[in-house]
Amino acid sequence: MLLSNRRWFLAGALALAGCGFTPVYGPGANTNLRGLVLVQAPTTREEFELVRALELRLGQPSAAQYSLDYTLTISEEAVVVAQNQVQSRFNVIGVLDYVLKSSDGDPVTNGQAKAFTSYSSTGSTVATDQSQRDARDRLMGLLADQTLARLAADMAP
């Protein structure tokens, strides 16, 4: 088979490298925004986790040329209801609308990221609260990843 031959694979990889191809998720991803984006200050715990996830991937702004404004909407819905009408599993749904603005306040790009996670409420009250918190933290990481992937695609040279 042609694709299983390592020489053809290597030749294809070298051809892509020779044409200036750089993967969005590869080494150096988001380097054109690294340290240049000031994210809107958080007001809730979920927003704090979102900003932390964004700054972890983008770095702390040293010379901010852009600002990232966002609106975060979180909702929950029961997805499993037992025979005794007890809700035992929930989806946490997040929608993040964002606008990347230049230093003079003009919009550069905008978009929306959507994701969901789930948690179970079959344990104790403490376990359920921790599961809910963990689900919301994971959701913020997913929204940050989607947002940065779209920003990287929009801002690619």
Foldseek 3Di string as FASTA:
>chain_A
DVVVDVVNVVVVVVVCVVVVDDDCPDPCHLVVQALAEAEDDDDDPLVVLLVVLLCVVRPHRPHHFKYKYKDKDKDKDQDDADPVRDGFKMKIKMKIWMFIAGPVGHTPDIDMDIDIFMFTDPDDPVVRVVRVVVRSSVRSNRRSVVVSSVVSVSPPD
